[in-house]
Structures are given as C-alpha cells and as structure tokens.
C-alpha cells in the first residue's frame, strides 16, 4: 500500500478566522477598547504570564484578556472588627471592675 508523503494542499480561499487560528490582539488594541494605558496592559500581562511574546511583539488571546480582567477586580476588604469588643476582653474587663469594687469596699470598711 503506497503512502502519500506530499503535504496536504492548502485552500487559499479560507480566511484566517475560519482556519481555527486564535484571535490575537495587541496590548494597544485591548487598552484602547477598555480605555486604559497600553503600558499597564503589558505590565499586568507579563506579571500574570497571560500573554504570548514573539521577539519584541506581544499578543493577547481572549483567555489572556479574561485573566487580566479577572486579576484587576478589586479585592474585598476584610470585615472591620473594633478592638476590645470580643467576649474575652469584655469578661476580663468585668472581672477587673469587680476586683476594683471589692478593693474599694474593703478600704471603706477599714475607715
């Protein structure tokens, strides 16, 4: 059985979009779309590893853009708990107050 070793013929009429290639964007395009600095987009992409770099060119795939957007979400602030409001501190304070009242009563008794 003969084996065909010739490369498959390419269909030149198919556009790039339908050929299955990723829809890459430059940091400038992404920055313009979201109204932010291209420099900040490049910085975040490098920090997160969410980019493709070929030589001195950077490309961002849709998944890279999603990762950058997810990382830029604001972090929720932790719940505020004022100091001295938990039950252990309150119990300690009440015990100290009782002790001071006893000492004051003992001093008054001596007089």
N, C-alpha and C. Protein backbone atom coordinates (compact mmCIF):
# COMPACT_ATOMS: atom_id res chain seq x y z
N UNK A 1 0.84 -1.17 0.00
CA UNK A 1 0.00 0.00 0.00
C UNK A 1 0.90 1.24 0.00
N UNK A 2 0.79 2.12 -0.99
CA UNK A 2 1.65 3.29 -1.06
C UNK A 2 1.21 4.36 -0.05
N UNK A 3 2.20 5.06 0.50
CA UNK A 3 1.95 6.11 1.47
C UNK A 3 2.15 7.45 0.79
N UNK A 4 1.22 8.33 0.97
CA UNK A 4 1.30 9.66 0.37
C UNK A 4 2.08 10.57 1.32
N UNK A 5 3.30 10.99 0.93
CA UNK A 5 4.12 11.84 1.79
C UNK A 5 4.09 13.30 1.37
N UNK A 6 3.32 13.62 0.37
CA UNK A 6 3.24 15.02 -0.06
C UNK A 6 2.40 15.81 0.94
N UNK A 7 2.75 17.08 1.15
CA UNK A 7 1.98 17.89 2.10
C UNK A 7 0.56 18.10 1.59
N UNK A 8 -0.38 18.21 2.49
CA UNK A 8 -1.76 18.43 2.04
C UNK A 8 -1.89 19.78 1.35
N UNK A 9 -2.77 19.84 0.36
CA UNK A 9 -2.96 21.09 -0.37
C UNK A 9 -3.71 22.09 0.50
N UNK A 10 -3.24 23.32 0.45
CA UNK A 10 -3.87 24.38 1.23
C UNK A 10 -4.94 25.06 0.38
N UNK A 11 -6.04 25.36 1.03
CA UNK A 11 -7.10 26.09 0.37
C UNK A 11 -6.88 27.57 0.65
N UNK A 12 -6.46 28.31 -0.35
CA UNK A 12 -6.12 29.72 -0.18
C UNK A 12 -7.36 30.61 -0.02
N UNK A 13 -8.55 30.07 -0.27
CA UNK A 13 -9.75 30.91 -0.22
C UNK A 13 -10.30 31.07 1.19
N UNK A 14 -9.82 30.27 2.17
CA UNK A 14 -10.37 30.37 3.52
C UNK A 14 -9.70 31.51 4.27
N UNK A 15 -10.48 32.37 4.91
CA UNK A 15 -9.89 33.45 5.69
C UNK A 15 -9.26 32.92 6.98
N UNK A 16 -8.47 33.75 7.62
CA UNK A 16 -7.75 33.36 8.82
C UNK A 16 -8.72 33.00 9.94
N UNK A 17 -9.84 33.73 10.06
CA UNK A 17 -10.78 33.50 11.15
C UNK A 17 -11.36 32.09 11.12
N UNK A 18 -11.67 31.58 9.94
CA UNK A 18 -12.29 30.26 9.86
C UNK A 18 -11.26 29.14 9.86
N UNK A 19 -9.98 29.47 9.85
CA UNK A 19 -8.97 28.42 9.81
C UNK A 19 -8.63 27.90 11.20
N UNK A 20 -9.24 28.44 12.25
CA UNK A 20 -9.01 27.94 13.59
C UNK A 20 -7.87 28.64 14.32
N UNK A 21 -7.28 29.65 13.71
CA UNK A 21 -6.22 30.39 14.40
C UNK A 21 -6.83 31.28 15.47
N UNK A 22 -6.11 31.49 16.58
CA UNK A 22 -6.67 32.33 17.65
C UNK A 22 -6.79 33.79 17.24
N UNK A 23 -7.75 34.44 17.80
CA UNK A 23 -7.96 35.87 17.53
C UNK A 23 -7.09 36.67 18.48
N UNK A 24 -5.82 36.85 18.13
CA UNK A 24 -4.90 37.59 18.99
C UNK A 24 -5.10 39.08 18.87
N UNK A 25 -4.86 39.78 19.96
CA UNK A 25 -4.96 41.23 20.00
C UNK A 25 -3.67 41.79 20.56
N UNK A 26 -3.33 42.98 20.14
CA UNK A 26 -2.15 43.64 20.70
C UNK A 26 -2.56 44.34 22.00
N UNK A 27 -1.60 44.62 22.87
CA UNK A 27 -1.92 45.37 24.09
C UNK A 27 -2.54 46.74 23.79
N UNK A 28 -2.14 47.34 22.68
CA UNK A 28 -2.69 48.64 22.31
C UNK A 28 -4.17 48.53 21.98
N UNK A 29 -4.57 47.47 21.26
CA UNK A 29 -5.98 47.27 20.93
C UNK A 29 -6.81 47.04 22.18
N UNK A 30 -6.30 46.21 23.08
CA UNK A 30 -7.02 45.92 24.32
C UNK A 30 -7.12 47.19 25.17
N UNK A 31 -6.02 47.93 25.27
CA UNK A 31 -6.02 49.16 26.06
C UNK A 31 -7.00 50.18 25.49
N UNK A 32 -7.02 50.32 24.18
CA UNK A 32 -7.94 51.27 23.55
C UNK A 32 -9.38 50.86 23.81
N UNK A 33 -9.67 49.56 23.74
CA UNK A 33 -11.03 49.06 23.96
C UNK A 33 -11.52 49.37 25.37
N UNK A 34 -10.65 49.20 26.37
CA UNK A 34 -11.05 49.40 27.77
C UNK A 34 -10.70 50.79 28.29
N UNK A 35 -10.02 51.60 27.50
CA UNK A 35 -9.71 52.97 27.91
C UNK A 35 -8.64 53.05 28.98
N UNK A 36 -7.66 52.16 28.91
CA UNK A 36 -6.55 52.18 29.86
C UNK A 36 -5.24 52.29 29.11
N UNK A 37 -4.16 52.38 29.83
CA UNK A 37 -2.84 52.56 29.24
C UNK A 37 -2.31 51.24 28.66
N UNK A 38 -1.76 51.27 27.44
CA UNK A 38 -1.14 50.06 26.89
C UNK A 38 0.02 49.57 27.75
N UNK A 39 0.72 50.50 28.37
CA UNK A 39 1.84 50.13 29.24
C UNK A 39 1.35 49.29 30.42
N UNK A 40 0.20 49.68 31.01
CA UNK A 40 -0.37 48.94 32.14
C UNK A 40 -0.84 47.55 31.69
N UNK A 41 -1.41 47.46 30.50
CA UNK A 41 -1.84 46.16 29.97
C UNK A 41 -0.64 45.25 29.82
N UNK A 42 0.46 45.76 29.24
CA UNK A 42 1.66 44.94 29.07
C UNK A 42 2.23 44.50 30.41
N UNK A 43 2.25 45.43 31.38
CA UNK A 43 2.80 45.12 32.70
C UNK A 43 2.00 44.00 33.37
N UNK A 44 0.68 44.13 33.37
CA UNK A 44 -0.16 43.11 34.00
C UNK A 44 -0.05 41.77 33.27
N UNK A 45 0.02 41.82 31.95
CA UNK A 45 0.13 40.59 31.17
C UNK A 45 1.42 39.85 31.51
N UNK A 46 2.52 40.58 31.63
CA UNK A 46 3.80 39.95 31.99
C UNK A 46 3.76 39.39 33.41
N UNK A 47 3.21 40.18 34.37
CA UNK A 47 3.16 39.73 35.76
C UNK A 47 2.34 38.45 35.90
N UNK A 48 1.25 38.35 35.14
CA UNK A 48 0.36 37.20 35.24
C UNK A 48 0.79 36.05 34.33
N UNK A 49 1.68 36.34 33.39
CA UNK A 49 2.04 35.33 32.40
C UNK A 49 0.90 35.09 31.42
N UNK A 50 0.06 36.09 31.26
CA UNK A 50 -1.12 35.98 30.40
C UNK A 50 -0.87 36.69 29.08
N UNK A 51 0.12 36.22 28.33
CA UNK A 51 0.42 36.83 27.04
C UNK A 51 1.27 35.87 26.22
N UNK A 52 1.40 36.19 24.95
CA UNK A 52 2.28 35.45 24.05
C UNK A 52 3.27 36.46 23.50
N UNK A 53 4.55 36.16 23.61
CA UNK A 53 5.58 37.08 23.14
C UNK A 53 6.41 36.40 22.07
N UNK A 54 6.49 37.07 20.91
CA UNK A 54 7.31 36.60 19.80
C UNK A 54 8.30 37.70 19.49
N UNK A 55 9.55 37.50 19.87
CA UNK A 55 10.55 38.53 19.66
C UNK A 55 10.22 39.73 20.53
N UNK A 56 9.98 40.87 19.89
CA UNK A 56 9.61 42.06 20.66
C UNK A 56 8.12 42.40 20.50
N UNK A 57 7.34 41.43 20.07
CA UNK A 57 5.89 41.63 19.88
C UNK A 57 5.11 40.83 20.92
N UNK A 58 4.07 41.45 21.46
CA UNK A 58 3.22 40.79 22.44
C UNK A 58 1.81 40.66 21.85
N UNK A 59 1.22 39.48 22.04
CA UNK A 59 -0.14 39.22 21.60
C UNK A 59 -0.94 38.69 22.78
N UNK A 60 -2.20 39.06 22.83
CA UNK A 60 -3.09 38.61 23.89
C UNK A 60 -4.25 37.84 23.28
N UNK A 61 -4.44 36.62 23.74
CA UNK A 61 -5.57 35.81 23.32
C UNK A 61 -6.78 36.18 24.19
N UNK A 62 -7.98 35.80 23.77
CA UNK A 62 -9.16 36.10 24.60
C UNK A 62 -9.04 35.58 26.03
N UNK A 63 -8.44 34.41 26.21
CA UNK A 63 -8.26 33.89 27.57
C UNK A 63 -7.28 34.74 28.37
N UNK A 64 -6.28 35.29 27.69
CA UNK A 64 -5.32 36.19 28.36
C UNK A 64 -6.01 37.47 28.82
N UNK A 65 -6.86 38.02 27.96
CA UNK A 65 -7.59 39.24 28.31
C UNK A 65 -8.51 38.97 29.50
N UNK A 66 -9.17 37.81 29.50
CA UNK A 66 -10.04 37.45 30.63
C UNK A 66 -9.24 37.33 31.92
N UNK A 67 -8.04 36.75 31.84
CA UNK A 67 -7.19 36.60 33.03
C UNK A 67 -6.76 37.97 33.56
N UNK A 68 -6.44 38.88 32.66
CA UNK A 68 -6.04 40.23 33.07
C UNK A 68 -7.21 40.95 33.73
N UNK A 69 -8.39 40.83 33.13
CA UNK A 69 -9.58 41.47 33.70
C UNK A 69 -9.92 40.88 35.07
N UNK A 70 -9.81 39.58 35.20
CA UNK A 70 -10.11 38.93 36.49
C UNK A 70 -9.12 39.37 37.56
N UNK A 71 -7.86 39.50 37.20
CA UNK A 71 -6.84 39.93 38.17
C UNK A 71 -7.01 41.39 38.57
N UNK A 72 -7.66 42.18 37.72
CA UNK A 72 -7.83 43.59 38.03
C UNK A 72 -9.08 43.88 38.86
N UNK A 73 -9.84 42.84 39.19
CA UNK A 73 -11.02 43.05 40.04
C UNK A 73 -10.58 43.52 41.41
N UNK A 74 -11.31 44.43 42.02
CA UNK A 74 -10.93 44.89 43.36
C UNK A 74 -11.10 43.78 44.39
N UNK A 75 -10.17 43.75 45.32
CA UNK A 75 -10.22 42.74 46.38
C UNK A 75 -11.17 43.24 47.47
N UNK A 76 -12.06 42.38 47.99
CA UNK A 76 -12.96 42.84 49.05
C UNK A 76 -12.19 43.12 50.33
N UNK A 77 -12.61 44.16 51.03
CA UNK A 77 -11.96 44.50 52.29
C UNK A 77 -12.42 43.52 53.36
N UNK A 78 -11.52 43.16 54.28
CA UNK A 78 -11.95 42.29 55.37
C UNK A 78 -12.93 43.02 56.28
N UNK A 79 -13.77 42.25 56.95
CA UNK A 79 -14.75 42.84 57.85
C UNK A 79 -14.03 43.57 58.99
N UNK A 80 -14.56 44.71 59.36
CA UNK A 80 -13.95 45.52 60.40
C UNK A 80 -14.45 45.04 61.76
N UNK A 81 -13.52 44.69 62.63
CA UNK A 81 -13.85 44.29 63.99
C UNK A 81 -13.12 45.23 64.94
N UNK A 82 -13.86 46.10 65.62
CA UNK A 82 -13.19 47.02 66.54
C UNK A 82 -12.53 46.26 67.69
N UNK A 83 -11.39 46.78 68.12
CA UNK A 83 -10.66 46.13 69.21
C UNK A 83 -11.43 46.25 70.51
N UNK A 84 -11.28 45.22 71.36
CA UNK A 84 -11.88 45.25 72.69
C UNK A 84 -13.36 44.93 72.70
N UNK A 85 -13.89 44.44 71.61
CA UNK A 85 -15.31 44.16 71.55
C UNK A 85 -15.63 42.67 71.64
N UNK A 86 -14.63 41.83 71.68
CA UNK A 86 -14.94 40.40 71.75
C UNK A 86 -15.19 40.00 73.20
N UNK A 87 -15.78 38.85 73.41
CA UNK A 87 -16.25 38.45 74.74
C UNK A 87 -15.11 38.22 75.73
N UNK A 88 -13.95 37.77 75.27
CA UNK A 88 -12.82 37.54 76.19
C UNK A 88 -12.37 38.85 76.81
N UNK A 89 -12.26 39.89 76.01
CA UNK A 89 -11.86 41.20 76.54
C UNK A 89 -12.93 41.75 77.49
N UNK A 90 -14.19 41.55 77.12
CA UNK A 90 -15.27 42.04 77.97
C UNK A 90 -15.29 41.32 79.32
N UNK A 91 -15.11 39.99 79.30
CA UNK A 91 -15.07 39.23 80.55
C UNK A 91 -13.92 39.69 81.44
N UNK A 92 -12.76 39.91 80.83
CA UNK A 92 -11.59 40.36 81.58
C UNK A 92 -11.84 41.74 82.19
N UNK A 93 -12.47 42.61 81.44
CA UNK A 93 -12.76 43.95 81.92
C UNK A 93 -13.77 43.92 83.08
N UNK A 94 -14.79 43.08 82.95
CA UNK A 94 -15.78 42.97 84.03
C UNK A 94 -15.17 42.39 85.30
N UNK A 95 -14.28 41.41 85.15
CA UNK A 95 -13.61 40.82 86.32
C UNK A 95 -12.73 41.87 87.00
N UNK A 96 -12.02 42.66 86.22
CA UNK A 96 -11.18 43.72 86.78
C UNK A 96 -12.03 44.76 87.52
N UNK A 97 -13.17 45.10 86.96
CA UNK A 97 -14.06 46.07 87.59
C UNK A 97 -14.58 45.54 88.94
N UNK A 98 -14.96 44.25 88.98
CA UNK A 98 -15.43 43.64 90.24
C UNK A 98 -14.33 43.66 91.29
N UNK A 99 -13.11 43.34 90.87
CA UNK A 99 -11.97 43.33 91.80
C UNK A 99 -11.74 44.74 92.36
N UNK A 100 -11.82 45.74 91.51
CA UNK A 100 -11.62 47.12 91.97
C UNK A 100 -12.74 47.54 92.93
N UNK A 101 -13.97 47.10 92.66
CA UNK A 101 -15.08 47.42 93.56
C UNK A 101 -14.88 46.78 94.94
N UNK A 102 -14.38 45.52 94.95
CA UNK A 102 -14.12 44.83 96.22
C UNK A 102 -13.03 45.55 97.01
N UNK A 103 -11.97 45.94 96.31
CA UNK A 103 -10.87 46.65 96.98
C UNK A 103 -11.36 47.99 97.54
N UNK A 104 -12.19 48.68 96.79
CA UNK A 104 -12.74 49.96 97.25
C UNK A 104 -13.63 49.75 98.47
N UNK A 105 -14.44 48.70 98.44
CA UNK A 105 -15.32 48.39 99.58
C UNK A 105 -14.49 48.02 100.81
N UNK A 106 -13.40 47.28 100.62
CA UNK A 106 -12.53 46.89 101.74
C UNK A 106 -11.87 48.13 102.34
N UNK A 107 -11.44 49.07 101.51
CA UNK A 107 -10.83 50.30 102.00
C UNK A 107 -11.82 51.14 102.82
N UNK A 108 -13.05 51.20 102.35
CA UNK A 108 -14.07 51.97 103.06
C UNK A 108 -14.41 51.32 104.41
N UNK A 109 -14.36 49.98 104.46
CA UNK A 109 -14.65 49.25 105.70
C UNK A 109 -13.61 49.54 106.77
N UNK A 110 -12.35 49.66 106.35
CA UNK A 110 -11.25 49.90 107.29
C UNK A 110 -11.39 51.26 107.96
N UNK A 111 -11.97 52.21 107.34
CA UNK A 111 -12.07 53.57 107.88
C UNK A 111 -13.11 53.66 108.89
